[in-house]
């Protein structure tokens, strides 16, 4: 996984680029009708229900736009919210509040939806010992926000990107001439480049599970698109030789059944690619 320093850098890039995209050479709507010296106060109003996420990100946005803005937090990230709740108040220059408004709302609406869905999955897994993972199926440019939201919802992050973990999937295996070649070449590559990266290998059937185990040196096996019976068999074959991960169209109805097969992790792209933004508003306080 990436370091906190790398993650913080990603967040800084997101904020800088989003403000550049949205503000350009100025918020002319505000500049045209609101005095530079005008001060104001606004509240983050919930018009939905679920898990709130993005409060800490919002603070970073407000600080980036105007370090003199003050945020009073009433509800923390990861807390359940319902219609009518006020998450925070922000006070400062009215122009600054309006400049930050859209980025704060876009991010928090998306992050809250992801955190809410993740929490639903986490609750469904309660008592099984299986943990839910996200994937790289994220919105380009804001992956750090979406993976942050998964953590807020109680899930765990898979690799952040292509550079922080080796994951040999079906195309890698086929292009390199098979599982044994793919794993052995990967080990040589890591040795030659002096890199310490964990290796995950995808298996499409039980025979591939056996081949992966015979080569060895793998951190986790991705048991992809297996049925329940074959998943249980795969888990028994693997034992404690490495960790196990199920994936492939697993949803709310099938999640717990796969967990009960004994896998360590279940990964789901749906946490980030199939959510509907929560309804939040930033409203001026008179």
Protein backbone atom coordinates (compact mmCIF):
# COMPACT_ATOMS: atom_id res chain seq x y z
CA UNK A 1 0.00 0.00 0.00
CA UNK A 2 1.06 3.58 -0.51
CA UNK A 3 2.44 5.61 2.38
CA UNK A 4 0.54 8.33 4.20
CA UNK A 5 2.87 10.85 2.58
CA UNK A 6 1.96 9.57 -0.89
CA UNK A 7 -1.73 9.53 -0.03
CA UNK A 8 -1.64 13.10 1.30
CA UNK A 9 0.09 14.17 -1.90
CA UNK A 10 -2.73 12.61 -3.93
CA UNK A 11 -5.28 14.57 -1.90
CA UNK A 12 -3.35 17.81 -2.47
CA UNK A 13 -3.32 17.11 -6.22
CA UNK A 14 -7.07 16.48 -6.23
CA UNK A 15 -7.82 19.76 -4.45
CA UNK A 16 -5.45 21.82 -6.59
CA UNK A 17 -6.79 20.40 -9.84
CA UNK A 18 -10.44 20.64 -8.80
CA UNK A 19 -10.15 24.30 -7.82
CA UNK A 20 -8.28 25.01 -11.06
CA UNK A 21 -11.03 23.30 -13.02
CA UNK A 22 -13.91 24.97 -11.21
CA UNK A 23 -12.64 28.47 -10.44
CA UNK A 24 -10.28 29.24 -13.31
CA UNK A 25 -9.48 32.97 -13.31
CA UNK A 26 -12.16 33.73 -10.73
CA UNK A 27 -15.63 33.04 -9.34
CA UNK A 28 -17.19 35.89 -11.25
CA UNK A 29 -20.69 35.22 -9.91
CA UNK A 30 -19.47 36.00 -6.39
CA UNK A 31 -17.03 38.71 -7.45
CA UNK A 32 -19.84 40.52 -9.26
CA UNK A 33 -22.27 40.86 -6.38
CA UNK A 34 -20.58 40.09 -3.03
CA UNK A 35 -18.08 42.52 -1.47
CA UNK A 36 -14.61 41.15 -0.81
CA UNK A 37 -14.95 42.10 2.87
CA UNK A 38 -18.33 40.37 3.37
CA UNK A 39 -18.30 37.64 6.00
CA UNK A 40 -20.69 34.72 6.15
CA UNK A 41 -21.62 31.40 7.72
CA UNK A 42 -22.97 28.24 6.12
CA UNK A 43 -24.08 24.80 7.27
CA UNK A 44 -23.63 21.37 5.66
CA UNK A 45 -27.19 20.03 5.62
CA UNK A 46 -28.04 16.35 5.17
CA UNK A 47 -31.07 15.63 2.96
CA UNK A 48 -30.60 11.86 2.89
CA UNK A 49 -29.54 9.06 5.21
CA UNK A 50 -26.47 6.86 5.46
CA UNK A 51 -22.86 7.24 6.56
CA UNK A 52 -21.28 10.68 6.29
CA UNK A 53 -17.82 10.87 4.74
CA UNK A 54 -15.58 13.68 3.58
CA UNK A 55 -15.70 15.97 6.60
CA UNK A 56 -11.92 15.97 6.98
CA UNK A 57 -11.52 16.45 3.24
CA UNK A 58 -13.88 19.43 3.36
CA UNK A 59 -11.70 21.01 6.05
CA UNK A 60 -8.68 20.64 3.76
CA UNK A 61 -10.58 22.26 0.90
CA UNK A 62 -11.69 25.22 3.01
CA UNK A 63 -8.13 25.67 4.29
CA UNK A 64 -6.72 25.53 0.75
CA UNK A 65 -9.16 28.17 -0.47
CA UNK A 66 -8.81 30.43 2.56
CA UNK A 67 -6.80 29.59 5.67
CA UNK A 68 -8.89 32.01 7.73
CA UNK A 69 -12.09 29.99 7.34
CA UNK A 70 -13.22 28.23 10.52
CA UNK A 71 -15.08 24.90 10.58
CA UNK A 72 -17.17 23.75 13.56
CA UNK A 73 -17.69 20.00 13.23
CA UNK A 74 -20.86 18.52 14.71
CA UNK A 75 -20.76 15.05 13.12
CA UNK A 76 -17.53 13.17 12.39
CA UNK A 77 -16.63 11.03 9.38
CA UNK A 78 -18.06 7.50 9.63
CA UNK A 79 -21.11 8.52 11.65
CA UNK A 80 -24.68 7.62 10.63
CA UNK A 81 -26.76 10.61 9.52
CA UNK A 82 -30.37 11.21 8.61
CA UNK A 83 -32.47 13.91 6.93
CA UNK A 84 -32.12 17.28 8.62
CA UNK A 85 -28.79 16.64 10.35
CA UNK A 86 -26.21 19.43 10.28
CA UNK A 87 -22.70 18.04 9.84
CA UNK A 88 -20.70 21.23 10.28
CA UNK A 89 -20.74 25.01 10.15
CA UNK A 90 -18.16 27.00 8.22
CA UNK A 91 -17.49 30.70 8.80
CA UNK A 92 -15.33 33.14 6.88
CA UNK A 93 -15.29 35.33 3.81
CA UNK A 94 -18.50 34.78 1.85
CA UNK A 95 -16.57 34.67 -1.43
CA UNK A 96 -14.30 31.94 -0.04
CA UNK A 97 -17.23 29.80 1.15
CA UNK A 98 -18.82 29.99 -2.29
CA UNK A 99 -15.53 29.22 -4.04
CA UNK A 100 -15.14 26.00 -2.03
CA UNK A 101 -18.81 24.99 -2.03
CA UNK A 102 -19.05 22.84 -5.14
CA UNK A 103 -15.87 20.85 -4.55
CA UNK A 104 -16.90 20.15 -0.95
CA UNK A 105 -20.37 18.98 -1.99
CA UNK A 106 -19.24 16.93 -5.00
CA UNK A 107 -16.68 15.12 -2.87
CA UNK A 108 -18.82 14.58 0.21
CA UNK A 109 -21.85 13.38 -1.75
CA UNK A 110 -19.72 10.80 -3.54
CA UNK A 111 -17.69 9.78 -0.50
CA UNK A 112 -20.80 9.42 1.68
CA UNK A 113 -22.43 7.14 -0.90
CA UNK A 114 -19.33 4.92 -1.00
CA UNK A 115 -18.99 4.84 2.79
CA UNK A 116 -22.67 3.93 3.12
CA UNK A 117 -22.43 1.04 0.67
CA UNK A 118 -19.20 -0.18 2.26
CA UNK A 119 -20.82 -0.16 5.70
CA UNK A 120 -23.69 -2.26 4.33
CA UNK A 121 -21.19 -4.83 3.07
CA UNK A 122 -19.24 -4.76 6.34
CA UNK A 123 -22.43 -5.40 8.30
CA UNK A 124 -23.33 -8.34 6.06
CA UNK A 125 -19.92 -9.89 6.78
CA UNK A 126 -20.17 -9.51 10.55
CA UNK A 127 -19.04 -12.61 12.40
CA UNK A 128 -17.45 -14.33 9.38
CA UNK A 129 -13.88 -13.07 9.72
CA UNK A 130 -13.90 -12.04 6.04
CA UNK A 131 -12.95 -8.47 5.15
CA UNK A 132 -14.24 -6.37 2.26
CA UNK A 133 -11.80 -4.81 -0.20
CA UNK A 134 -12.21 -2.13 -2.83
CA UNK A 135 -10.62 -2.31 -6.30
CA UNK A 136 -9.05 0.00 -8.92
CA UNK A 137 -12.49 0.46 -10.49
CA UNK A 138 -12.59 4.07 -9.39
CA UNK A 139 -13.37 7.44 -10.94
CA UNK A 140 -10.26 8.73 -12.76
CA UNK A 141 -8.61 11.54 -10.88
CA UNK A 142 -10.29 11.02 -7.49
CA UNK A 143 -9.21 7.49 -6.54
CA UNK A 144 -7.74 8.69 -3.25
CA UNK A 145 -11.10 10.14 -2.20
CA UNK A 146 -13.00 7.00 -3.08
CA UNK A 147 -10.58 4.70 -1.30
CA UNK A 148 -10.63 7.05 1.70
CA UNK A 149 -14.42 6.69 1.75
CA UNK A 150 -14.14 2.89 1.76
CA UNK A 151 -11.96 3.10 4.87
CA UNK A 152 -14.44 5.46 6.51
CA UNK A 153 -17.18 2.90 5.82
CA UNK A 154 -15.20 0.18 7.59
CA UNK A 155 -13.72 -1.55 4.54
CA UNK A 156 -10.10 -2.09 3.60
CA UNK A 157 -8.12 -0.83 0.63
CA UNK A 158 -6.75 -3.16 -2.02
CA UNK A 159 -3.65 -1.92 -3.86
CA UNK A 160 -3.86 1.77 -4.64
CA UNK A 161 -2.51 1.55 -8.17
CA UNK A 162 -0.34 -0.49 -10.51
CA UNK A 163 2.85 0.49 -8.72
CA UNK A 164 2.29 -0.64 -5.13
CA UNK A 165 1.50 -4.35 -5.59
CA UNK A 166 1.93 -7.07 -8.21
CA UNK A 167 -1.36 -8.53 -9.40
CA UNK A 168 -1.12 -11.19 -12.11
CA UNK A 169 -4.54 -11.47 -13.70
CA UNK A 170 -5.78 -13.56 -16.62
CA UNK A 171 -4.27 -11.34 -19.33
CA UNK A 172 -0.87 -11.18 -17.62
CA UNK A 173 -0.89 -14.96 -17.32
CA UNK A 174 -1.92 -15.54 -20.93
CA UNK A 175 0.47 -12.96 -22.38
CA UNK A 176 3.41 -14.37 -20.42
CA UNK A 177 2.79 -17.99 -21.37
CA UNK A 178 1.05 -19.39 -18.32
CA UNK A 179 0.95 -19.20 -14.55
CA UNK A 180 4.36 -20.71 -13.86
CA UNK A 181 6.09 -18.39 -16.32
CA UNK A 182 4.22 -15.36 -15.00
CA UNK A 183 5.12 -16.01 -11.36
CA UNK A 184 8.75 -16.95 -12.01
CA UNK A 185 9.32 -13.96 -14.28
CA UNK A 186 7.76 -11.73 -11.64
CA UNK A 187 10.08 -13.06 -8.94
CA UNK A 188 13.10 -12.42 -11.17
CA UNK A 189 11.84 -8.92 -11.98
CA UNK A 190 11.41 -8.04 -8.32
CA UNK A 191 14.86 -9.39 -7.52
CA UNK A 192 16.51 -7.62 -10.46
CA UNK A 193 14.86 -4.28 -9.66
CA UNK A 194 15.28 -4.65 -5.89
CA UNK A 195 11.56 -4.12 -5.27
CA UNK A 196 9.63 -5.46 -2.30
CA UNK A 197 6.10 -5.88 -3.67
CA UNK A 198 3.53 -8.48 -2.67
CA UNK A 199 2.30 -10.84 -5.38
CA UNK A 200 -1.36 -11.68 -5.96
CA UNK A 201 -2.27 -14.22 -8.65
CA UNK A 202 -5.70 -14.76 -10.16
CA UNK A 203 -6.96 -18.33 -10.58
CA UNK A 204 -9.74 -19.24 -12.99
CA UNK A 205 -10.22 -22.83 -11.86
CA UNK A 206 -9.01 -25.38 -9.33
CA UNK A 207 -6.21 -26.63 -11.57
CA UNK A 208 -4.77 -23.12 -11.66
CA UNK A 209 -5.00 -22.99 -7.86
CA UNK A 210 -2.85 -26.12 -7.70
CA UNK A 211 -0.33 -24.71 -10.17
CA UNK A 212 0.01 -21.45 -8.24
CA UNK A 213 0.62 -23.37 -5.04
CA UNK A 214 3.22 -25.58 -6.70
CA UNK A 215 5.22 -22.51 -7.79
CA UNK A 216 4.81 -20.77 -4.42
CA UNK A 217 5.95 -17.39 -3.22
CA UNK A 218 2.54 -15.80 -3.59
CA UNK A 219 0.99 -13.46 -1.01
CA UNK A 220 -2.64 -13.99 -1.98
CA UNK A 221 -4.63 -16.01 -4.50
CA UNK A 222 -7.57 -14.33 -6.20
CA UNK A 223 -10.32 -16.94 -6.53
CA UNK A 224 -12.15 -15.34 -9.43
CA UNK A 225 -15.71 -16.16 -10.51
CA UNK A 226 -15.82 -19.48 -8.66
CA UNK A 227 -19.08 -21.00 -7.44
CA UNK A 228 -19.56 -21.70 -3.74
CA UNK A 229 -18.51 -25.34 -3.88
CA UNK A 230 -15.32 -24.68 -5.82
CA UNK A 231 -14.52 -21.72 -3.55
CA UNK A 232 -14.71 -23.98 -0.49
CA UNK A 233 -12.50 -26.53 -2.23
CA UNK A 234 -10.00 -23.81 -3.19
CA UNK A 235 -9.83 -22.55 0.39
CA UNK A 236 -9.13 -26.10 1.61
CA UNK A 237 -6.42 -26.58 -1.01
CA UNK A 238 -4.73 -23.30 -0.13
CA UNK A 239 -4.94 -23.77 3.63
CA UNK A 240 -2.42 -21.50 5.34
CA UNK A 241 -0.01 -21.35 2.39
CA UNK A 242 -1.24 -17.86 1.50
CA UNK A 243 -4.24 -15.58 1.87
CA UNK A 244 -7.42 -15.95 -0.18
CA UNK A 245 -9.63 -13.44 -1.96
CA UNK A 246 -12.92 -14.00 -3.76
CA UNK A 247 -14.14 -11.70 -6.52
CA UNK A 248 -16.33 -11.59 -9.58
CA UNK A 249 -19.84 -10.16 -9.50
CA UNK A 250 -20.32 -10.71 -5.78
CA UNK A 251 -23.20 -8.62 -4.45
CA UNK A 252 -25.32 -8.10 -1.34
CA UNK A 253 -27.20 -11.36 -1.94
CA UNK A 254 -24.12 -13.56 -2.40
CA UNK A 255 -21.56 -11.77 -0.23
CA UNK A 256 -22.09 -13.68 3.01
CA UNK A 257 -22.30 -17.06 1.26
CA UNK A 258 -18.85 -16.51 -0.23
CA UNK A 259 -17.54 -15.36 3.14
CA UNK A 260 -18.86 -18.55 4.70
CA UNK A 261 -16.66 -20.49 2.26
CA UNK A 262 -13.75 -19.33 4.42
CA UNK A 263 -12.02 -16.71 2.26
CA UNK A 264 -9.96 -14.02 3.96
CA UNK A 265 -11.12 -11.21 1.67
CA UNK A 266 -13.84 -10.36 -0.81
CA UNK A 267 -13.14 -7.59 -3.31
CA UNK A 268 -15.95 -5.62 -4.91
CA UNK A 269 -15.77 -2.94 -7.56
CA UNK A 270 -19.39 -2.07 -6.75
CA UNK A 271 -18.24 -0.18 -3.66
CA UNK A 272 -16.94 2.59 -5.90
CA UNK A 273 -18.44 2.17 -9.37
CA UNK A 274 -22.11 1.53 -8.54
CA UNK A 275 -23.28 4.10 -6.01
CA UNK A 276 -25.68 7.04 -6.12
CA UNK A 277 -24.49 10.26 -4.56
CA UNK A 278 -26.01 11.23 -1.23
CA UNK A 279 -28.06 14.44 -1.13
CA UNK A 280 -26.17 17.13 0.79
CA UNK A 281 -26.40 20.92 0.64
CA UNK A 282 -24.30 23.83 1.85
CA UNK A 283 -26.77 26.50 2.96
CA UNK A 284 -26.12 30.05 4.12
CA UNK A 285 -26.99 30.74 7.75
CA UNK A 286 -28.79 34.06 8.24
